[in-house]
Amino acid sequence: MGGCMSPFNAFQFIQGIETLSLRAKAHNENANALALCLSTHPMVKEGSVLHPSLPSHPSHENAKKYFRPGCYGSVSCFEVKAENGTEAVALGSKFISNVKMSSNLANVGDARTLVIHPASTTHQQLTSEEQAAAGCKPASIRVSVGYEDLEDIKDDFESAFEAVQSGN
C-alpha cells in the first residue's frame, strides 16, 4: 500500500496546500512588478528583460490568452548593461555577488528570491557558441522572485547595481 504520513506531517502538508494560492499570487505580483521595474532600470540592457507580463515579451499575447489574469509566473531574466561579452560575464557575476537578501541558487519557486548567473554557473562548461545556442547570454541573470516584500527585493537589487557601477 505504501507509507503513511505521521499526523503532524499530514497537518503541515494540508497547511501548505491551503496557502498555495496565496503564495502563488504573491510570487506573481512581485514578479510582474519587478520585471516592470527592471525594464526601465539604467543598469539593465534595454529590451533584455524577459517576463511574459511585459508587452515586449515574444509570447506576451499567448500568455494573456492562456494564463490567468496577472499570473505570468515568477521566473524572469534580464541582462546587466555591458560593453562586450567578457565584461557582461564579469558584471553579471558581480551583481550576483552583491545581492544580500536574495540567494544565489538555481532553484525556482522558493519563498525567497533566488538569482543565478547561468553563464558563470550552470552553463560555464559550455563554449560561448554553445551558450548562445542554448539561449544563455553572457550578462543574463535569471531571477525566481519570492514573496518577500517587493520594496525589499527592489532595494536588494538596487544595492547590487550600485556595487556593480562603483566597481566594488
Protein backbone atom coordinates (compact mmCIF):
# COMPACT_ATOMS: atom_id res chain seq x y z
CA MET A 1 0.00 0.00 0.00
CA GLY A 2 2.79 2.45 0.73
CA GLY A 3 3.93 4.58 3.58
CA CYS A 4 1.68 6.76 5.68
CA MET A 5 2.44 10.25 6.86
CA SER A 6 2.59 11.00 10.51
CA PRO A 7 -0.34 13.12 11.72
CA PHE A 8 1.90 16.16 12.15
CA ASN A 9 3.39 15.78 8.65
CA ALA A 10 -0.12 15.46 7.22
CA PHE A 11 -1.14 18.63 9.08
CA GLN A 12 1.84 20.54 7.65
CA PHE A 13 1.12 19.22 4.15
CA ILE A 14 -2.50 20.40 4.35
CA GLN A 15 -1.41 23.81 5.65
CA GLY A 16 0.91 24.12 2.66
CA ILE A 17 -1.81 23.18 0.19
CA GLU A 18 -4.30 25.58 1.78
CA THR A 19 -1.94 28.55 1.43
CA LEU A 20 -0.55 27.68 -2.00
CA SER A 21 -2.83 30.06 -3.89
CA LEU A 22 -1.86 32.96 -1.61
CA ARG A 23 1.83 32.26 -2.07
CA ALA A 24 1.49 31.86 -5.85
CA LYS A 25 -0.41 35.15 -6.04
CA ALA A 26 2.37 36.93 -4.13
CA HIS A 27 5.02 35.35 -6.39
CA ASN A 28 3.19 36.58 -9.50
CA GLU A 29 2.51 40.08 -8.21
CA ASN A 30 6.14 40.56 -7.18
CA ALA A 31 7.49 39.11 -10.44
CA ASN A 32 5.25 41.32 -12.58
CA ALA A 33 6.24 44.46 -10.66
CA LEU A 34 9.95 43.60 -10.57
CA ALA A 35 10.01 42.88 -14.32
CA LEU A 36 8.40 46.25 -15.00
CA CYS A 37 10.89 47.99 -12.69
CA LEU A 38 13.89 46.26 -14.28
CA SER A 39 12.67 47.05 -17.80
CA THR A 40 13.38 50.76 -17.20
CA HIS A 41 16.45 50.45 -14.95
CA PRO A 42 19.54 52.26 -16.31
CA MET A 43 21.88 49.36 -15.41
CA VAL A 44 19.76 46.85 -17.35
CA LYS A 45 20.32 46.37 -21.06
CA GLU A 46 17.38 47.85 -22.92
CA GLY A 47 14.91 45.23 -24.13
CA SER A 48 16.61 42.41 -22.22
CA VAL A 49 14.03 41.80 -19.51
CA LEU A 50 12.16 38.60 -20.33
CA HIS A 51 8.91 38.07 -18.44
CA PRO A 52 5.56 37.22 -20.07
CA SER A 53 3.82 40.10 -18.24
CA LEU A 54 5.73 42.63 -20.35
CA PRO A 55 4.30 43.59 -23.76
CA SER A 56 7.86 43.34 -25.15
CA HIS A 57 8.00 39.59 -24.38
CA PRO A 58 7.68 37.49 -27.57
CA SER A 59 4.92 35.34 -26.02
CA HIS A 60 3.02 38.12 -24.24
CA GLU A 61 -0.13 37.74 -26.34
CA ASN A 62 -0.20 33.97 -25.82
CA ALA A 63 0.41 34.46 -22.10
CA LYS A 64 -2.56 36.85 -21.90
CA LYS A 65 -4.67 34.32 -23.78
CA TYR A 66 -3.74 31.18 -21.84
CA PHE A 67 -2.72 32.31 -18.34
CA ARG A 68 -4.98 33.61 -15.61
CA PRO A 69 -5.08 37.41 -15.50
CA GLY A 70 -1.94 38.72 -13.83
CA CYS A 71 -0.47 35.22 -13.39
CA TYR A 72 2.63 35.09 -15.59
CA GLY A 73 4.92 33.11 -13.32
CA SER A 74 7.73 34.08 -11.01
CA VAL A 75 10.77 33.45 -13.22
CA SER A 76 12.32 36.17 -15.35
CA CYS A 77 15.65 37.08 -16.90
CA PHE A 78 17.47 40.31 -17.52
CA GLU A 79 20.90 41.38 -18.74
CA VAL A 80 23.26 43.75 -16.99
CA LYS A 81 24.29 46.50 -19.39
CA ALA A 82 27.87 45.92 -20.63
CA GLU A 83 30.22 46.90 -23.45
CA ASN A 84 31.09 43.35 -24.55
CA GLY A 85 30.64 39.68 -23.69
CA THR A 86 33.66 39.45 -21.39
CA GLU A 87 32.56 42.49 -19.39
CA ALA A 88 28.99 41.15 -19.37
CA VAL A 89 30.06 37.91 -17.66
CA ALA A 90 32.07 39.86 -15.08
CA LEU A 91 29.24 42.32 -14.36
CA GLY A 92 26.66 39.54 -14.14
CA SER A 93 28.83 37.70 -11.62
CA LYS A 94 29.43 40.92 -9.71
CA PHE A 95 25.67 41.58 -9.49
CA ILE A 96 25.10 38.09 -8.06
CA SER A 97 27.94 38.54 -5.56
CA ASN A 98 26.42 41.78 -4.29
CA VAL A 99 22.80 40.81 -3.62
CA LYS A 100 22.36 40.38 0.12
CA MET A 101 18.77 39.26 0.67
CA SER A 102 18.39 37.19 -2.49
CA SER A 103 20.10 33.80 -2.59
CA ASN A 104 22.39 32.55 -5.35
CA LEU A 105 20.62 29.28 -6.15
CA ALA A 106 19.42 27.53 -9.31
CA ASN A 107 16.05 26.56 -7.80
CA VAL A 108 12.70 28.14 -8.66
CA GLY A 109 9.51 28.67 -6.70
CA ASP A 110 11.13 29.24 -3.31
CA ALA A 111 9.70 31.60 -0.69
CA ARG A 112 12.88 33.66 -1.11
CA THR A 113 14.04 35.47 -4.21
CA LEU A 114 16.72 33.43 -5.97
CA VAL A 115 19.19 34.73 -8.53
CA ILE A 116 21.75 32.99 -10.68
CA HIS A 117 24.16 33.96 -13.44
CA PRO A 118 23.91 30.98 -15.83
CA ALA A 119 26.96 31.91 -17.94
CA SER A 120 29.26 31.56 -14.94
CA THR A 121 27.45 28.71 -13.17
CA THR A 122 25.03 26.26 -14.78
CA HIS A 123 26.38 26.84 -18.31
CA GLN A 124 30.05 27.61 -17.56
CA GLN A 125 31.30 24.32 -19.04
CA LEU A 126 29.95 25.30 -22.48
CA THR A 127 31.79 27.34 -25.06
CA SER A 128 30.46 30.82 -25.92
CA GLU A 129 28.90 29.39 -29.08
CA GLU A 130 27.19 26.56 -27.16
CA GLN A 131 25.90 29.02 -24.56
CA ALA A 132 24.46 31.22 -27.32
CA ALA A 133 22.81 28.19 -28.96
CA ALA A 134 21.25 27.32 -25.56
CA GLY A 135 19.91 30.88 -25.18
CA CYS A 136 22.35 31.67 -22.38
CA LYS A 137 23.59 35.23 -22.83
CA PRO A 138 26.81 36.38 -21.11
CA ALA A 139 25.13 39.05 -18.96
CA SER A 140 21.86 37.26 -18.32
CA ILE A 141 20.65 36.97 -14.73
CA ARG A 142 17.82 34.52 -14.01
CA VAL A 143 15.51 35.53 -11.18
CA SER A 144 12.96 33.39 -9.38
CA VAL A 145 11.03 36.02 -7.44
CA GLY A 146 9.97 35.13 -3.93
CA TYR A 147 7.16 36.52 -1.87
CA GLU A 148 9.16 38.83 0.34
CA ASP A 149 8.13 42.47 0.47
CA LEU A 150 8.57 43.90 -3.04
CA GLU A 151 10.38 47.00 -1.80
CA ASP A 152 12.93 44.79 -0.02
CA ILE A 153 13.59 42.90 -3.28
CA LYS A 154 13.97 46.17 -5.22
CA ASP A 155 16.31 47.59 -2.56
CA ASP A 156 18.44 44.43 -2.67
CA PHE A 157 18.74 44.65 -6.46
CA GLU A 158 19.44 48.38 -6.34
CA SER A 159 22.30 47.93 -3.86
CA ALA A 160 23.77 45.21 -6.11
CA PHE A 161 23.51 47.51 -9.14
CA GLU A 162 25.24 50.28 -7.16
CA ALA A 163 28.08 47.90 -6.27
CA VAL A 164 28.43 46.86 -9.93
CA GLN A 165 28.52 50.50 -11.02
CA SER A 166 31.06 51.52 -8.38
CA GLY A 167 33.30 48.56 -9.18
CA ASN A 168 33.16 47.05 -5.68
